[in-house]
Amino acid sequence: MDVREQAAAAPVPAEDLAEAGLRLEIDGPVATITLDRPDKRNAMTFAMWRTLARIGDALPGSVRVVVVRGAGKAFSAGIDLSMFSEGGGPTADPQEGDRFIAELQAGYTWLRRPEIVSIAAVHGYAIGAGFQLALACDLRVLADDAWYCMKEPALGLVPDLTGTKPLVDIVGVNRAIDICLTARRVAAPEAAALGLAERLVPAAGLDDAVADLVAALLQVDADAAVATQRLLREAPGNTLEQQCAAERREQLARLRALRGG
């Protein structure tokens, strides 16, 4: 897809994407979002998070898979700290500050919608906000040279970009405390062992592994995939009885659709 085709397909104007340090390519049912500040190791800004939210709001309904990747040598170095030296960030007013952070979180929350499967293709490193972006995705394909780090507590901050819940859900409270409060590197083999990656692949094979995963996901019936994702997302909060009822409801809806009624 050339630049003109990419701009025409994008639901957010190309100039807005470029200003925010993002690229977006939509090829039929697959959208690829690239963090595109390689000279800054894809350090993330307020504009980047807000534009991610805009992408989610305007994403065509035909898109079934969203791939998130980073240009250059790393997935993301995390928050661009220069924003704070320039006087950026939430105000002291609690309501305004809450609204400010909620707008940034919206750049991540849409990646969990059951209508899509989101994939983080992580190479190099994913630090802080970059780690949380990977956690926001449904699936993570990790190159064997990659590592994670939750840097915020070491900077006097807390992880506030929706990362604490999936981290605890995946590794448990105690391991999450260890990862966050030591701000240590979690190398790819450990990350995979902890469940923080669904695929661990050689760095040279990352693109092929992501392409294979996307192809496999697209082989599944789209409506059945959405219904199954709903079931799986509800399961942790449901009792067995509630989950059984949810399964019946979704299956009967699928059977009605297949029968044309």
C-alpha atoms as a PDB file:
ATOM      1  CA  MET A   1       0.000   0.000   0.000  1.00  0.00           C
ATOM      2  CA  ASP A   2       1.534   3.312  -1.074  1.00  0.00           C
ATOM      3  CA  VAL A   3       1.336   6.550   0.938  1.00  0.00           C
ATOM      4  CA  ARG A   4      -1.721   7.836  -0.939  1.00  0.00           C
ATOM      5  CA  GLU A   5      -3.620   4.568  -0.422  1.00  0.00           C
ATOM      6  CA  GLN A   6      -2.607   4.517   3.245  1.00  0.00           C
ATOM      7  CA  ALA A   7      -3.850   8.089   3.764  1.00  0.00           C
ATOM      8  CA  ALA A   8      -7.121   7.338   1.994  1.00  0.00           C
ATOM      9  CA  ALA A   9      -7.727   4.248   4.099  1.00  0.00           C
ATOM     10  CA  ALA A  10      -6.904   5.888   7.425  1.00  0.00           C
ATOM     11  CA  PRO A  11      -9.867   7.022   9.561  1.00  0.00           C
ATOM     12  CA  VAL A  12      -7.657   9.770  11.071  1.00  0.00           C
ATOM     13  CA  PRO A  13      -6.013  12.348   8.760  1.00  0.00           C
ATOM     14  CA  ALA A  14      -2.448  11.451   7.803  1.00  0.00           C
ATOM     15  CA  GLU A  15      -1.110  14.802   9.012  1.00  0.00           C
ATOM     16  CA  ASP A  16      -2.633  14.237  12.465  1.00  0.00           C
ATOM     17  CA  LEU A  17      -1.097  10.779  12.636  1.00  0.00           C
ATOM     18  CA  ALA A  18       2.323  12.084  11.633  1.00  0.00           C
ATOM     19  CA  GLU A  19       2.165  14.928  14.154  1.00  0.00           C
ATOM     20  CA  ALA A  20       1.354  12.419  16.910  1.00  0.00           C
ATOM     21  CA  GLY A  21       4.185  10.099  15.862  1.00  0.00           C
ATOM     22  CA  LEU A  22       1.954   7.333  14.516  1.00  0.00           C
ATOM     23  CA  ARG A  23       1.375   5.480  11.273  1.00  0.00           C
ATOM     24  CA  LEU A  24      -1.830   3.640  10.414  1.00  0.00           C
ATOM     25  CA  GLU A  25      -2.379   1.175   7.603  1.00  0.00           C
ATOM     26  CA  ILE A  26      -5.687  -0.557   7.008  1.00  0.00           C
ATOM     27  CA  ASP A  27      -5.646  -3.538   4.665  1.00  0.00           C
ATOM     28  CA  GLY A  28      -9.115  -5.088   4.583  1.00  0.00           C
ATOM     29  CA  PRO A  29      -9.784  -6.683   7.970  1.00  0.00           C
ATOM     30  CA  VAL A  30      -6.336  -5.834   9.391  1.00  0.00           C
ATOM     31  CA  ALA A  31      -5.239  -2.489  10.839  1.00  0.00           C
ATOM     32  CA  THR A  32      -1.574  -1.930  11.687  1.00  0.00           C
ATOM     33  CA  ILE A  33      -0.660   0.883  14.064  1.00  0.00           C
ATOM     34  CA  THR A  34       3.017   1.780  14.185  1.00  0.00           C
ATOM     35  CA  LEU A  35       4.563   3.931  16.899  1.00  0.00           C
ATOM     36  CA  ASP A  36       6.723   6.047  14.632  1.00  0.00           C
ATOM     37  CA  ARG A  37       9.212   8.102  16.624  1.00  0.00           C
ATOM     38  CA  PRO A  38      12.257   5.873  16.112  1.00  0.00           C
ATOM     39  CA  ASP A  39      14.700   8.685  16.885  1.00  0.00           C
ATOM     40  CA  LYS A  40      13.050   8.927  20.332  1.00  0.00           C
ATOM     41  CA  ARG A  41      12.730   5.137  20.707  1.00  0.00           C
ATOM     42  CA  ASN A  42       8.969   5.684  20.254  1.00  0.00           C
ATOM     43  CA  ALA A  43       8.652   7.607  23.506  1.00  0.00           C
ATOM     44  CA  MET A  44       4.967   8.327  23.999  1.00  0.00           C
ATOM     45  CA  THR A  45       3.257  11.706  24.261  1.00  0.00           C
ATOM     46  CA  PHE A  46      -0.145  13.074  25.209  1.00  0.00           C
ATOM     47  CA  ALA A  47      -0.840  13.649  21.505  1.00  0.00           C
ATOM     48  CA  MET A  48       0.038  10.039  20.724  1.00  0.00           C
ATOM     49  CA  TRP A  49      -2.369   8.663  23.338  1.00  0.00           C
ATOM     50  CA  ARG A  50      -5.182  10.978  22.261  1.00  0.00           C
ATOM     51  CA  THR A  51      -4.660  10.037  18.624  1.00  0.00           C
ATOM     52  CA  LEU A  52      -4.715   6.337  19.513  1.00  0.00           C
ATOM     53  CA  ALA A  53      -8.137   6.994  21.048  1.00  0.00           C
ATOM     54  CA  ARG A  54      -9.253   8.713  17.834  1.00  0.00           C
ATOM     55  CA  ILE A  55      -8.136   5.701  15.823  1.00  0.00           C
ATOM     56  CA  GLY A  56     -10.230   3.451  18.033  1.00  0.00           C
ATOM     57  CA  ASP A  57     -13.273   5.702  17.723  1.00  0.00           C
ATOM     58  CA  ALA A  58     -13.073   5.864  13.932  1.00  0.00           C
ATOM     59  CA  LEU A  59     -11.882   2.347  13.118  1.00  0.00           C
ATOM     60  CA  PRO A  60     -13.984   0.811  10.311  1.00  0.00           C
ATOM     61  CA  GLY A  61     -16.302  -1.980  11.399  1.00  0.00           C
ATOM     62  CA  SER A  62     -14.705  -4.261   8.814  1.00  0.00           C
ATOM     63  CA  VAL A  63     -11.470  -4.416  10.835  1.00  0.00           C
ATOM     64  CA  ARG A  64     -11.121  -7.650  12.796  1.00  0.00           C
ATOM     65  CA  VAL A  65      -7.440  -7.607  13.823  1.00  0.00           C
ATOM     66  CA  VAL A  66      -5.323  -4.684  15.041  1.00  0.00           C
ATOM     67  CA  VAL A  67      -1.538  -5.053  15.164  1.00  0.00           C
ATOM     68  CA  VAL A  68       0.472  -2.577  17.251  1.00  0.00           C
ATOM     69  CA  ARG A  69       4.204  -2.330  16.619  1.00  0.00           C
ATOM     70  CA  GLY A  70       7.118   0.060  17.035  1.00  0.00           C
ATOM     71  CA  ALA A  71       9.400   1.495  14.356  1.00  0.00           C
ATOM     72  CA  GLY A  72      13.149   1.266  14.727  1.00  0.00           C
ATOM     73  CA  LYS A  73      15.063  -0.488  17.479  1.00  0.00           C
ATOM     74  CA  ALA A  74      12.350  -0.808  20.134  1.00  0.00           C
ATOM     75  CA  PHE A  75       8.627  -1.085  20.730  1.00  0.00           C
ATOM     76  CA  SER A  76       8.571   1.936  23.060  1.00  0.00           C
ATOM     77  CA  ALA A  77      10.759   3.626  25.650  1.00  0.00           C
ATOM     78  CA  GLY A  78       7.610   4.708  27.514  1.00  0.00           C
ATOM     79  CA  ILE A  79       6.514   8.200  28.429  1.00  0.00           C
ATOM     80  CA  ASP A  80       8.348  11.134  26.904  1.00  0.00           C
ATOM     81  CA  LEU A  81       9.500  12.877  30.087  1.00  0.00           C
ATOM     82  CA  SER A  82      10.205  16.124  28.247  1.00  0.00           C
ATOM     83  CA  MET A  83       6.454  16.802  28.338  1.00  0.00           C
ATOM     84  CA  PHE A  84       6.655  17.401  32.083  1.00  0.00           C
ATOM     85  CA  SER A  85       9.635  19.749  31.833  1.00  0.00           C
ATOM     86  CA  GLU A  86       7.546  21.764  29.372  1.00  0.00           C
ATOM     87  CA  GLY A  87       4.758  22.167  31.926  1.00  0.00           C
ATOM     88  CA  GLY A  88       2.500  19.449  30.563  1.00  0.00           C
ATOM     89  CA  GLY A  89       0.402  16.932  32.459  1.00  0.00           C
ATOM     90  CA  PRO A  90      -2.760  16.988  34.551  1.00  0.00           C
ATOM     91  CA  THR A  91      -3.731  20.098  36.450  1.00  0.00           C
ATOM     92  CA  ALA A  92      -3.985  20.259  40.228  1.00  0.00           C
ATOM     93  CA  ASP A  93      -7.782  20.344  40.030  1.00  0.00           C
ATOM     94  CA  PRO A  94      -8.974  16.783  40.836  1.00  0.00           C
ATOM     95  CA  GLN A  95     -11.864  16.764  38.359  1.00  0.00           C
ATOM     96  CA  GLU A  96      -9.845  18.228  35.515  1.00  0.00           C
ATOM     97  CA  GLY A  97      -6.933  15.931  36.306  1.00  0.00           C
ATOM     98  CA  ASP A  98      -9.208  12.891  36.352  1.00  0.00           C
ATOM     99  CA  ARG A  99     -10.680  13.882  32.986  1.00  0.00           C
ATOM    100  CA  PHE A 100      -7.189  14.474  31.551  1.00  0.00           C
ATOM    101  CA  ILE A 101      -5.933  11.009  32.493  1.00  0.00           C
ATOM    102  CA  ALA A 102      -9.187   9.330  31.381  1.00  0.00           C
ATOM    103  CA  GLU A 103      -8.682  10.825  27.908  1.00  0.00           C
ATOM    104  CA  LEU A 104      -5.227   9.262  27.747  1.00  0.00           C
ATOM    105  CA  GLN A 105      -6.466   5.887  29.003  1.00  0.00           C
ATOM    106  CA  ALA A 106      -9.019   5.870  26.174  1.00  0.00           C
ATOM    107  CA  GLY A 107      -6.104   5.341  23.796  1.00  0.00           C
ATOM    108  CA  TYR A 108      -5.654   1.905  25.363  1.00  0.00           C
ATOM    109  CA  THR A 109      -9.090   0.707  26.465  1.00  0.00           C
ATOM    110  CA  TRP A 110     -10.540   0.319  22.966  1.00  0.00           C
ATOM    111  CA  LEU A 111      -7.962  -2.358  22.174  1.00  0.00           C
ATOM    112  CA  ARG A 112      -9.962  -4.712  24.426  1.00  0.00           C
ATOM    113  CA  ARG A 113     -13.211  -4.502  22.438  1.00  0.00           C
ATOM    114  CA  PRO A 114     -14.590  -7.956  21.572  1.00  0.00           C
ATOM    115  CA  GLU A 115     -15.144  -6.896  17.960  1.00  0.00           C
ATOM    116  CA  ILE A 116     -11.376  -7.004  17.334  1.00  0.00           C
ATOM    117  CA  VAL A 117      -8.365  -9.036  18.372  1.00  0.00           C
ATOM    118  CA  SER A 118      -5.427  -6.768  19.190  1.00  0.00           C
ATOM    119  CA  ILE A 119      -1.832  -7.973  18.909  1.00  0.00           C
ATOM    120  CA  ALA A 120       1.289  -6.288  20.285  1.00  0.00           C
ATOM    121  CA  ALA A 121       4.400  -7.154  18.246  1.00  0.00           C
ATOM    122  CA  VAL A 122       7.173  -6.369  20.729  1.00  0.00           C
ATOM    123  CA  HIS A 123      10.854  -6.131  19.928  1.00  0.00           C
ATOM    124  CA  GLY A 124      13.712  -4.421  21.720  1.00  0.00           C
ATOM    125  CA  TYR A 125      11.953  -3.187  24.830  1.00  0.00           C
ATOM    126  CA  ALA A 126       8.594  -1.978  26.082  1.00  0.00           C
ATOM    127  CA  ILE A 127       9.024   0.316  29.072  1.00  0.00           C
ATOM    128  CA  GLY A 128       6.358   1.917  31.258  1.00  0.00           C
ATOM    129  CA  ALA A 129       3.620   3.243  28.987  1.00  0.00           C
ATOM    130  CA  GLY A 130       4.926   0.935  26.248  1.00  0.00           C
ATOM    131  CA  PHE A 131       4.629  -2.074  28.550  1.00  0.00           C
ATOM    132  CA  GLN A 132       1.103  -0.996  29.409  1.00  0.00           C
ATOM    133  CA  LEU A 133       0.248  -0.686  25.702  1.00  0.00           C
ATOM    134  CA  ALA A 134       1.373  -4.275  25.206  1.00  0.00           C
ATOM    135  CA  LEU A 135      -0.727  -5.300  28.224  1.00  0.00           C
ATOM    136  CA  ALA A 136      -3.754  -3.545  26.689  1.00  0.00           C
ATOM    137  CA  CYS A 137      -3.617  -5.884  23.706  1.00  0.00           C
ATOM    138  CA  ASP A 138      -5.305  -9.278  23.665  1.00  0.00           C
ATOM    139  CA  LEU A 139      -2.188 -11.099  22.480  1.00  0.00           C
ATOM    140  CA  ARG A 140       1.518 -10.367  22.663  1.00  0.00           C
ATOM    141  CA  VAL A 141       4.123 -11.755  20.265  1.00  0.00           C
ATOM    142  CA  LEU A 142       7.533 -11.197  21.821  1.00  0.00           C
ATOM    143  CA  ALA A 143      10.866 -11.258  20.023  1.00  0.00           C
ATOM    144  CA  ASP A 144      13.503 -13.140  21.977  1.00  0.00           C
ATOM    145  CA  ASP A 145      15.547  -9.938  22.309  1.00  0.00           C
ATOM    146  CA  ALA A 146      12.691  -8.048  23.989  1.00  0.00           C
ATOM    147  CA  TRP A 147      12.158  -7.065  27.592  1.00  0.00           C
ATOM    148  CA  TYR A 148       9.550  -5.288  29.677  1.00  0.00           C
ATOM    149  CA  CYS A 149       9.970  -2.763  32.485  1.00  0.00           C
ATOM    150  CA  MET A 150       7.339  -0.956  34.566  1.00  0.00           C
ATOM    151  CA  LYS A 151       9.358   2.176  35.206  1.00  0.00           C
ATOM    152  CA  GLU A 152       6.735   4.546  36.661  1.00  0.00           C
ATOM    153  CA  PRO A 153       7.282   3.893  40.404  1.00  0.00           C
ATOM    154  CA  ALA A 154      11.012   4.571  39.983  1.00  0.00           C
ATOM    155  CA  LEU A 155      10.053   7.965  38.552  1.00  0.00           C
ATOM    156  CA  GLY A 156       7.746   8.787  41.452  1.00  0.00           C
ATOM    157  CA  LEU A 157       4.636   7.937  39.415  1.00  0.00           C
ATOM    158  CA  VAL A 158       2.192   5.043  39.210  1.00  0.00           C
ATOM    159  CA  PRO A 159       1.194   3.005  36.147  1.00  0.00           C
ATOM    160  CA  ASP A 160      -2.017   4.763  35.088  1.00  0.00           C
ATOM    161  CA  LEU A 161      -2.542   3.683  31.479  1.00  0.00           C
ATOM    162  CA  THR A 162      -4.764   0.663  32.253  1.00  0.00           C
ATOM    163  CA  GLY A 163      -1.806  -1.642  32.900  1.00  0.00           C
ATOM    164  CA  THR A 164      -2.239  -2.657  36.542  1.00  0.00           C
ATOM    165  CA  LYS A 165      -5.327  -4.853  36.080  1.00  0.00           C
ATOM    166  CA  PRO A 166      -4.045  -7.008  33.197  1.00  0.00           C
ATOM    167  CA  LEU A 167      -0.660  -7.322  34.892  1.00  0.00           C
ATOM    168  CA  VAL A 168      -2.244  -8.592  38.118  1.00  0.00           C
ATOM    169  CA  ASP A 169      -4.706 -10.779  36.195  1.00  0.00           C
ATOM    170  CA  ILE A 170      -1.824 -12.449  34.367  1.00  0.00           C
ATOM    171  CA  VAL A 171       0.939 -12.763  36.970  1.00  0.00           C
ATOM    172  CA  GLY A 172      -0.845 -12.279  40.313  1.00  0.00           C
ATOM    173  CA  VAL A 173      -0.475  -9.557  42.934  1.00  0.00           C
ATOM    174  CA  ASN A 174       2.863 -10.662  44.395  1.00  0.00           C
ATOM    175  CA  ARG A 175       4.689 -10.933  41.078  1.00  0.00           C
ATOM    176  CA  ALA A 176       3.129  -7.650  39.939  1.00  0.00           C
ATOM    177  CA  ILE A 177       4.515  -5.982  43.092  1.00  0.00           C
ATOM    178  CA  ASP A 178       7.952  -7.421  42.318  1.00  0.00           C
ATOM    179  CA  ILE A 179       7.865  -6.229  38.700  1.00  0.00           C
ATOM    180  CA  CYS A 180       6.552  -2.738  39.479  1.00  0.00           C
ATOM    181  CA  LEU A 181       8.308  -1.839  42.715  1.00  0.00           C
ATOM    182  CA  THR A 182      11.737  -2.997  41.575  1.00  0.00           C
ATOM    183  CA  ALA A 183      11.307  -1.517  38.075  1.00  0.00           C
ATOM    184  CA  ARG A 184      13.439  -4.415  36.883  1.00  0.00           C
ATOM    185  CA  ARG A 185      13.802  -5.783  33.394  1.00  0.00           C
ATOM    186  CA  VAL A 186      11.630  -8.783  32.591  1.00  0.00           C
ATOM    187  CA  ALA A 187      13.431 -10.500  29.735  1.00  0.00           C
ATOM    188  CA  ALA A 188      11.510 -12.289  27.013  1.00  0.00           C
ATOM    189  CA  PRO A 189      11.949 -15.862  28.333  1.00  0.00           C
ATOM    190  CA  GLU A 190      10.700 -14.889  31.800  1.00  0.00           C
ATOM    191  CA  ALA A 191       7.882 -12.829  30.310  1.00  0.00           C
ATOM    192  CA  ALA A 192       6.712 -15.812  28.298  1.00  0.00           C
ATOM    193  CA  ALA A 193       6.946 -18.099  31.325  1.00  0.00           C
ATOM    194  CA  LEU A 194       4.815 -15.650  33.338  1.00  0.00           C
ATOM    195  CA  GLY A 195       2.163 -15.487  30.613  1.00  0.00           C
ATOM    196  CA  LEU A 196       3.090 -11.967  29.479  1.00  0.00           C
ATOM    197  CA  ALA A 197       3.554 -13.256  25.922  1.00  0.00           C
ATOM    198  CA  GLU A 198       1.468 -15.723  23.960  1.00  0.00           C
ATOM    199  CA  ARG A 199       4.257 -16.266  21.400  1.00  0.00           C
ATOM    200  CA  LEU A 200       8.031 -16.090  21.910  1.00  0.00           C
ATOM    201  CA  VAL A 201       9.881 -16.023  18.590  1.00  0.00           C
ATOM    202  CA  PRO A 202      13.347 -15.257  17.209  1.00  0.00           C
ATOM    203  CA  ALA A 203      13.733 -11.541  16.560  1.00  0.00           C
ATOM    204  CA  ALA A 204      14.302 -12.149  12.858  1.00  0.00           C
ATOM    205  CA  GLY A 205      11.031 -14.060  12.669  1.00  0.00           C
ATOM    206  CA  LEU A 206       8.774 -11.554  14.466  1.00  0.00           C
ATOM    207  CA  ASP A 207       7.032 -10.220  11.350  1.00  0.00           C
ATOM    208  CA  ASP A 208       6.384 -13.701   9.974  1.00  0.00           C
ATOM    209  CA  ALA A 209       5.063 -14.924  13.324  1.00  0.00           C
ATOM    210  CA  VAL A 210       2.644 -11.986  13.559  1.00  0.00           C
ATOM    211  CA  ALA A 211       1.503 -12.544   9.963  1.00  0.00           C
ATOM    212  CA  ASP A 212       0.861 -16.236  10.694  1.00  0.00           C
ATOM    213  CA  LEU A 213      -1.131 -15.363  13.813  1.00  0.00           C
ATOM    214  CA  VAL A 214      -3.214 -12.793  11.939  1.00  0.00           C
ATOM    215  CA  ALA A 215      -3.952 -15.309   9.184  1.00  0.00           C
ATOM    216  CA  ALA A 216      -5.040 -17.913  11.738  1.00  0.00           C
ATOM    217  CA  LEU A 217      -7.342 -15.453  13.490  1.00  0.00           C
ATOM    218  CA  LEU A 218      -8.987 -14.455  10.212  1.00  0.00           C
ATOM    219  CA  GLN A 219      -9.784 -18.098   9.409  1.00  0.00           C
ATOM    220  CA  VAL A 220     -12.317 -18.186  12.247  1.00  0.00           C
ATOM    221  CA  ASP A 221     -15.892 -17.075  11.596  1.00  0.00           C
ATOM    222  CA  ALA A 222     -16.066 -13.364  12.494  1.00  0.00           C
ATOM    223  CA  ASP A 223     -19.345 -13.481  14.434  1.00  0.00           C
ATOM    224  CA  ALA A 224     -18.330 -16.613  16.328  1.00  0.00           C
ATOM    225  CA  ALA A 225     -15.034 -14.934  17.229  1.00  0.00           C
ATOM    226  CA  VAL A 226     -16.812 -11.888  18.657  1.00  0.00           C
ATOM    227  CA  ALA A 227     -19.242 -14.033  20.657  1.00  0.00           C
ATOM    228  CA  THR A 228     -16.438 -16.228  21.983  1.00  0.00           C
ATOM    229  CA  GLN A 229     -14.413 -13.195  23.034  1.00  0.00           C
ATOM    230  CA  ARG A 230     -17.421 -11.878  24.935  1.00  0.00           C
ATOM    231  CA  LEU A 231     -17.711 -15.198  26.753  1.00  0.00           C
ATOM    232  CA  LEU A 232     -14.033 -15.341  27.627  1.00  0.00           C
ATOM    233  CA  ARG A 233     -13.977 -11.754  28.888  1.00  0.00           C
ATOM    234  CA  GLU A 234     -17.038 -12.330  31.069  1.00  0.00           C
ATOM    235  CA  ALA A 235     -15.743 -15.610  32.507  1.00  0.00           C
ATOM    236  CA  PRO A 236     -13.449 -14.268  35.275  1.00  0.00           C
ATOM    237  CA  GLY A 237     -16.298 -12.308  36.862  1.00  0.00           C
ATOM    238  CA  ASN A 238     -18.956 -14.996  36.479  1.00  0.00           C
ATOM    239  CA  THR A 239     -19.886 -17.936  38.635  1.00  0.00           C
ATOM    240  CA  LEU A 240     -20.068 -21.293  36.840  1.00  0.00           C
ATOM    241  CA  GLU A 241     -23.843 -20.988  36.746  1.00  0.00           C
ATOM    242  CA  GLN A 242     -23.652 -17.497  35.230  1.00  0.00           C
ATOM    243  CA  GLN A 243     -21.093 -18.599  32.678  1.00  0.00           C
ATOM    244  CA  CYS A 244     -23.171 -21.603  31.665  1.00  0.00           C
ATOM    245  CA  ALA A 245     -26.129 -19.279  31.114  1.00  0.00           C
ATOM    246  CA  ALA A 246     -23.943 -16.923  29.048  1.00  0.00           C
ATOM    247  CA  GLU A 247     -22.770 -19.852  26.911  1.00  0.00           C
ATOM    248  CA  ARG A 248     -26.365 -20.904  26.271  1.00  0.00           C
ATOM    249  CA  ARG A 249     -27.351 -17.368  25.322  1.00  0.00           C
ATOM    250  CA  GLU A 250     -24.467 -16.913  22.890  1.00  0.00           C
ATOM    251  CA  GLN A 251     -24.880 -20.361  21.340  1.00  0.00           C
ATOM    252  CA  LEU A 252     -28.599 -19.946  20.752  1.00  0.00           C
ATOM    253  CA  ALA A 253     -27.916 -16.580  19.100  1.00  0.00           C
ATOM    254  CA  ARG A 254     -25.329 -18.210  16.837  1.00  0.00           C
ATOM    255  CA  LEU A 255     -27.701 -21.056  15.907  1.00  0.00           C
ATOM    256  CA  ARG A 256     -30.450 -18.603  15.059  1.00  0.00           C
ATOM    257  CA  ALA A 257     -28.058 -16.662  12.842  1.00  0.00           C
ATOM    258  CA  LEU A 258     -26.847 -19.800  11.079  1.00  0.00           C
ATOM    259  CA  ARG A 259     -30.433 -20.869  10.427  1.00  0.00           C
ATOM    260  CA  GLY A 260     -31.237 -17.473   8.991  1.00  0.00           C
ATOM    261  CA  GLY A 261     -33.629 -16.534  11.767  1.00  0.00           C
END
